[in-house]
Amino acid sequence: MRKIYDGNFYEFHVESAGPGDRYEYRIYQQNGGYTDHSDPYGFQMELRPDHKSIVCDLADFPFHDSAWMRKRSAMHDGPMNIYEMHLGSWRTQADLLHDVLL
């Protein structure tokens, strides 16, 4: 992989990759271990328990947001909030028991 932009992003290009191909990347750790990851910027993923990203062709996707795209503003230099949460952690003990009984 090679660094791009400000050095915080990497890219890798595979000529033979096409729609439907699955991929992941591997991060090697100093202790000799490694962790496999899906692409956090990917557009399509396998369903759990699998985790690979899937190459997709966005040219085939019928976007229907042209009105919103015309009205949005470019706030590249303004503040931004990013919220990340794991919805499964909001489950109650009753929810978990229900799943076990199914």
N, C-alpha and C. Protein backbone atom coordinates (compact mmCIF):
# COMPACT_ATOMS: atom_id res chain seq x y z
N MET A 1 0.85 -1.17 0.00
CA MET A 1 0.00 0.00 0.00
C MET A 1 0.89 1.23 0.00
N ARG A 2 0.38 2.30 -0.54
CA ARG A 2 1.15 3.54 -0.52
C ARG A 2 0.34 4.65 0.13
N LYS A 3 1.04 5.55 0.80
CA LYS A 3 0.38 6.68 1.46
C LYS A 3 -0.10 7.67 0.42
N ILE A 4 -1.28 8.25 0.68
CA ILE A 4 -1.82 9.28 -0.20
C ILE A 4 -2.32 10.44 0.64
N TYR A 5 -2.67 11.54 0.00
CA TYR A 5 -3.18 12.75 0.65
C TYR A 5 -2.19 13.25 1.69
N ASP A 6 -2.60 13.32 2.93
CA ASP A 6 -1.74 13.88 3.98
C ASP A 6 -0.92 12.81 4.69
N GLY A 7 -0.90 11.60 4.17
CA GLY A 7 -0.12 10.53 4.78
C GLY A 7 -0.91 9.70 5.76
N ASN A 8 -2.16 10.05 6.01
CA ASN A 8 -3.00 9.29 6.93
C ASN A 8 -3.86 8.26 6.22
N PHE A 9 -3.81 8.24 4.91
CA PHE A 9 -4.60 7.31 4.11
C PHE A 9 -3.67 6.52 3.20
N TYR A 10 -4.09 5.30 2.89
CA TYR A 10 -3.32 4.42 2.02
C TYR A 10 -4.21 3.92 0.89
N GLU A 11 -3.57 3.55 -0.22
CA GLU A 11 -4.32 2.95 -1.31
C GLU A 11 -3.52 1.82 -1.94
N PHE A 12 -4.25 0.94 -2.57
CA PHE A 12 -3.65 -0.18 -3.29
C PHE A 12 -4.57 -0.49 -4.45
N HIS A 13 -4.01 -0.66 -5.61
CA HIS A 13 -4.83 -0.89 -6.81
C HIS A 13 -4.53 -2.28 -7.37
N VAL A 14 -5.57 -3.04 -7.64
CA VAL A 14 -5.44 -4.37 -8.23
C VAL A 14 -6.18 -4.35 -9.56
N GLU A 15 -5.44 -4.44 -10.66
CA GLU A 15 -6.04 -4.36 -12.00
C GLU A 15 -7.13 -5.40 -12.22
N SER A 16 -6.93 -6.61 -11.70
CA SER A 16 -7.87 -7.69 -11.99
C SER A 16 -9.10 -7.69 -11.09
N ALA A 17 -9.17 -6.79 -10.10
CA ALA A 17 -10.32 -6.75 -9.19
C ALA A 17 -11.55 -6.23 -9.93
N GLY A 18 -12.69 -6.82 -9.62
CA GLY A 18 -13.93 -6.40 -10.26
C GLY A 18 -15.11 -6.55 -9.33
N PRO A 19 -16.27 -6.05 -9.72
CA PRO A 19 -17.46 -6.13 -8.89
C PRO A 19 -17.72 -7.56 -8.40
N GLY A 20 -17.98 -7.68 -7.11
CA GLY A 20 -18.25 -8.97 -6.50
C GLY A 20 -17.03 -9.58 -5.82
N ASP A 21 -15.82 -9.11 -6.15
CA ASP A 21 -14.62 -9.63 -5.51
C ASP A 21 -14.58 -9.18 -4.06
N ARG A 22 -14.13 -10.07 -3.19
CA ARG A 22 -14.04 -9.76 -1.76
C ARG A 22 -12.60 -9.45 -1.40
N TYR A 23 -12.42 -8.52 -0.44
CA TYR A 23 -11.07 -8.15 -0.03
C TYR A 23 -11.07 -7.71 1.42
N GLU A 24 -9.87 -7.69 2.00
CA GLU A 24 -9.65 -7.19 3.35
C GLU A 24 -8.19 -6.74 3.41
N TYR A 25 -7.82 -6.08 4.45
CA TYR A 25 -6.42 -5.73 4.61
C TYR A 25 -5.92 -6.20 5.96
N ARG A 26 -4.62 -6.38 6.05
CA ARG A 26 -3.99 -6.96 7.24
C ARG A 26 -3.05 -5.93 7.86
N ILE A 27 -3.19 -5.74 9.16
CA ILE A 27 -2.31 -4.85 9.91
C ILE A 27 -1.39 -5.71 10.76
N TYR A 28 -0.09 -5.59 10.50
CA TYR A 28 0.89 -6.36 11.28
C TYR A 28 1.26 -5.58 12.53
N GLN A 29 1.37 -6.29 13.64
CA GLN A 29 1.70 -5.68 14.92
C GLN A 29 3.15 -5.93 15.26
N GLN A 30 3.70 -5.10 16.13
CA GLN A 30 5.11 -5.22 16.50
C GLN A 30 5.42 -6.54 17.19
N ASN A 31 4.44 -7.16 17.83
CA ASN A 31 4.68 -8.42 18.55
C ASN A 31 4.64 -9.63 17.62
N GLY A 32 4.51 -9.40 16.31
CA GLY A 32 4.48 -10.49 15.35
C GLY A 32 3.08 -10.93 14.97
N GLY A 33 2.08 -10.47 15.68
CA GLY A 33 0.70 -10.83 15.35
C GLY A 33 0.16 -9.93 14.24
N TYR A 34 -1.08 -10.15 13.90
CA TYR A 34 -1.73 -9.31 12.89
C TYR A 34 -3.23 -9.31 13.12
N THR A 35 -3.90 -8.35 12.51
CA THR A 35 -5.35 -8.23 12.56
C THR A 35 -5.86 -7.98 11.15
N ASP A 36 -6.87 -8.73 10.72
CA ASP A 36 -7.49 -8.52 9.41
C ASP A 36 -8.68 -7.58 9.58
N HIS A 37 -8.82 -6.65 8.64
CA HIS A 37 -9.88 -5.63 8.72
C HIS A 37 -10.61 -5.50 7.39
N SER A 38 -11.86 -5.12 7.48
CA SER A 38 -12.60 -4.73 6.28
C SER A 38 -12.28 -3.26 6.00
N ASP A 39 -12.65 -2.81 4.83
CA ASP A 39 -12.37 -1.45 4.40
C ASP A 39 -13.36 -0.49 5.05
N PRO A 40 -12.91 0.42 5.93
CA PRO A 40 -13.85 1.33 6.59
C PRO A 40 -14.51 2.31 5.62
N TYR A 41 -13.96 2.46 4.42
CA TYR A 41 -14.55 3.35 3.42
C TYR A 41 -15.23 2.56 2.30
N GLY A 42 -15.37 1.26 2.48
CA GLY A 42 -16.01 0.42 1.46
C GLY A 42 -17.50 0.70 1.37
N PHE A 43 -18.09 0.35 0.24
CA PHE A 43 -19.51 0.58 0.01
C PHE A 43 -20.35 -0.68 0.19
N GLN A 44 -19.70 -1.85 0.25
CA GLN A 44 -20.45 -3.08 0.39
C GLN A 44 -19.63 -4.05 1.24
N MET A 45 -20.29 -4.75 2.15
CA MET A 45 -19.61 -5.68 3.07
C MET A 45 -20.34 -7.01 3.12
N GLU A 46 -19.60 -8.05 3.52
CA GLU A 46 -20.24 -9.33 3.79
C GLU A 46 -21.04 -9.21 5.07
N LEU A 47 -22.03 -10.08 5.24
CA LEU A 47 -22.82 -10.10 6.46
C LEU A 47 -22.10 -10.91 7.52
N ARG A 48 -22.29 -10.54 8.78
CA ARG A 48 -21.67 -11.26 9.88
C ARG A 48 -22.12 -12.71 9.87
N PRO A 49 -21.27 -13.60 10.26
CA PRO A 49 -19.99 -13.41 10.94
C PRO A 49 -18.84 -13.11 9.98
N ASP A 50 -19.05 -13.14 8.66
CA ASP A 50 -17.99 -12.76 7.72
C ASP A 50 -17.73 -11.27 7.82
N HIS A 51 -16.60 -10.81 7.30
CA HIS A 51 -16.25 -9.41 7.51
C HIS A 51 -15.58 -8.73 6.33
N LYS A 52 -15.39 -9.42 5.23
CA LYS A 52 -14.66 -8.83 4.12
C LYS A 52 -15.48 -7.75 3.41
N SER A 53 -14.76 -6.84 2.77
CA SER A 53 -15.39 -5.84 1.92
C SER A 53 -15.60 -6.45 0.54
N ILE A 54 -16.54 -5.87 -0.21
CA ILE A 54 -16.87 -6.38 -1.54
C ILE A 54 -16.73 -5.25 -2.54
N VAL A 55 -16.00 -5.51 -3.62
CA VAL A 55 -15.85 -4.51 -4.68
C VAL A 55 -17.21 -4.33 -5.34
N CYS A 56 -17.64 -3.08 -5.48
CA CYS A 56 -18.91 -2.82 -6.17
C CYS A 56 -18.74 -1.65 -7.14
N ASP A 57 -19.55 -1.64 -8.16
CA ASP A 57 -19.51 -0.59 -9.17
C ASP A 57 -20.65 0.38 -8.91
N LEU A 58 -20.32 1.56 -8.41
CA LEU A 58 -21.36 2.54 -8.07
C LEU A 58 -22.05 3.11 -9.30
N ALA A 59 -21.47 2.90 -10.47
CA ALA A 59 -22.11 3.38 -11.70
C ALA A 59 -23.43 2.68 -11.93
N ASP A 60 -23.58 1.48 -11.38
CA ASP A 60 -24.82 0.72 -11.54
C ASP A 60 -25.87 1.04 -10.48
N PHE A 61 -25.51 1.86 -9.48
CA PHE A 61 -26.44 2.14 -8.39
C PHE A 61 -27.33 3.33 -8.75
N PRO A 62 -28.64 3.20 -8.62
CA PRO A 62 -29.55 4.30 -8.98
C PRO A 62 -29.72 5.29 -7.82
N PHE A 63 -28.84 6.27 -7.73
CA PHE A 63 -28.95 7.29 -6.68
C PHE A 63 -30.21 8.13 -6.91
N HIS A 64 -30.88 8.51 -5.83
CA HIS A 64 -32.09 9.32 -5.91
C HIS A 64 -31.98 10.54 -5.00
N ASP A 65 -30.79 11.09 -4.85
CA ASP A 65 -30.59 12.20 -3.92
C ASP A 65 -30.14 13.48 -4.61
N SER A 66 -30.47 13.66 -5.87
CA SER A 66 -29.99 14.83 -6.61
C SER A 66 -30.51 16.14 -6.01
N ALA A 67 -31.74 16.17 -5.51
CA ALA A 67 -32.27 17.40 -4.90
C ALA A 67 -31.47 17.75 -3.65
N TRP A 68 -31.17 16.76 -2.82
CA TRP A 68 -30.38 17.01 -1.61
C TRP A 68 -28.95 17.44 -1.98
N MET A 69 -28.37 16.83 -2.99
CA MET A 69 -27.01 17.18 -3.41
C MET A 69 -26.94 18.64 -3.89
N ARG A 70 -27.98 19.12 -4.55
CA ARG A 70 -27.99 20.52 -5.02
C ARG A 70 -28.09 21.49 -3.85
N LYS A 71 -28.82 21.12 -2.78
CA LYS A 71 -29.05 22.03 -1.64
C LYS A 71 -27.96 22.00 -0.59
N ARG A 72 -27.16 20.96 -0.54
CA ARG A 72 -26.17 20.84 0.54
C ARG A 72 -25.10 21.91 0.40
N SER A 73 -24.44 22.21 1.50
CA SER A 73 -23.36 23.19 1.48
C SER A 73 -22.03 22.49 1.71
N ALA A 74 -20.98 23.09 1.21
CA ALA A 74 -19.64 22.53 1.40
C ALA A 74 -19.04 23.14 2.67
N MET A 75 -18.95 22.37 3.72
CA MET A 75 -18.43 22.85 5.00
C MET A 75 -17.07 22.21 5.29
N HIS A 76 -16.19 22.20 4.31
CA HIS A 76 -14.91 21.53 4.47
C HIS A 76 -14.03 22.16 5.55
N ASP A 77 -14.23 23.44 5.84
CA ASP A 77 -13.40 24.09 6.86
C ASP A 77 -14.17 24.35 8.15
N GLY A 78 -15.36 23.81 8.28
CA GLY A 78 -16.17 24.02 9.47
C GLY A 78 -16.09 22.83 10.42
N PRO A 79 -16.65 22.97 11.61
CA PRO A 79 -16.63 21.87 12.58
C PRO A 79 -17.53 20.72 12.13
N MET A 80 -17.18 19.52 12.61
CA MET A 80 -17.96 18.34 12.27
C MET A 80 -18.05 17.43 13.50
N ASN A 81 -19.21 16.88 13.72
CA ASN A 81 -19.41 15.90 14.79
C ASN A 81 -19.58 14.53 14.16
N ILE A 82 -18.86 13.55 14.71
CA ILE A 82 -19.00 12.17 14.26
C ILE A 82 -19.39 11.35 15.47
N TYR A 83 -20.51 10.66 15.37
CA TYR A 83 -20.99 9.82 16.46
C TYR A 83 -20.85 8.36 16.03
N GLU A 84 -20.30 7.56 16.90
CA GLU A 84 -20.17 6.13 16.64
C GLU A 84 -20.71 5.38 17.83
N MET A 85 -21.56 4.40 17.55
CA MET A 85 -22.12 3.62 18.65
C MET A 85 -22.38 2.20 18.18
N HIS A 86 -22.40 1.31 19.12
CA HIS A 86 -22.73 -0.08 18.84
C HIS A 86 -24.13 -0.31 19.37
N LEU A 87 -25.09 -0.41 18.48
CA LEU A 87 -26.49 -0.51 18.90
C LEU A 87 -26.75 -1.76 19.72
N GLY A 88 -25.98 -2.82 19.51
CA GLY A 88 -26.15 -4.03 20.28
C GLY A 88 -25.90 -3.83 21.76
N SER A 89 -25.09 -2.84 22.12
CA SER A 89 -24.79 -2.59 23.53
C SER A 89 -25.98 -1.97 24.26
N TRP A 90 -27.00 -1.55 23.54
CA TRP A 90 -28.19 -0.96 24.16
C TRP A 90 -29.22 -2.03 24.51
N ARG A 91 -28.93 -3.26 24.17
CA ARG A 91 -29.88 -4.34 24.42
C ARG A 91 -29.98 -4.62 25.92
N THR A 92 -31.16 -4.99 26.33
CA THR A 92 -31.38 -5.32 27.74
C THR A 92 -31.20 -6.81 27.97
N GLN A 93 -31.15 -7.21 29.22
CA GLN A 93 -31.06 -8.63 29.55
C GLN A 93 -32.27 -9.39 28.98
N ALA A 94 -33.44 -8.76 29.00
CA ALA A 94 -34.65 -9.40 28.45
C ALA A 94 -34.48 -9.65 26.95
N ASP A 95 -33.87 -8.71 26.23
CA ASP A 95 -33.62 -8.91 24.79
C ASP A 95 -32.71 -10.11 24.57
N LEU A 96 -31.64 -10.19 25.37
CA LEU A 96 -30.68 -11.28 25.23
C LEU A 96 -31.34 -12.62 25.54
N LEU A 97 -32.15 -12.67 26.60
CA LEU A 97 -32.85 -13.89 26.96
C LEU A 97 -33.81 -14.31 25.85
N HIS A 98 -34.50 -13.35 25.27
CA HIS A 98 -35.42 -13.61 24.17
C HIS A 98 -34.69 -14.28 23.01
N ASP A 99 -33.51 -13.77 22.67
CA ASP A 99 -32.74 -14.35 21.55
C ASP A 99 -32.30 -15.78 21.86
N VAL A 100 -31.93 -16.05 23.11
CA VAL A 100 -31.49 -17.38 23.49
C VAL A 100 -32.64 -18.37 23.39
N LEU A 101 -33.83 -17.93 23.75
CA LEU A 101 -35.00 -18.82 23.74
C LEU A 101 -35.50 -19.10 22.33
N LEU A 102 -35.15 -18.25 21.36
CA LEU A 102 -35.61 -18.48 19.98
C LEU A 102 -34.89 -19.63 19.44
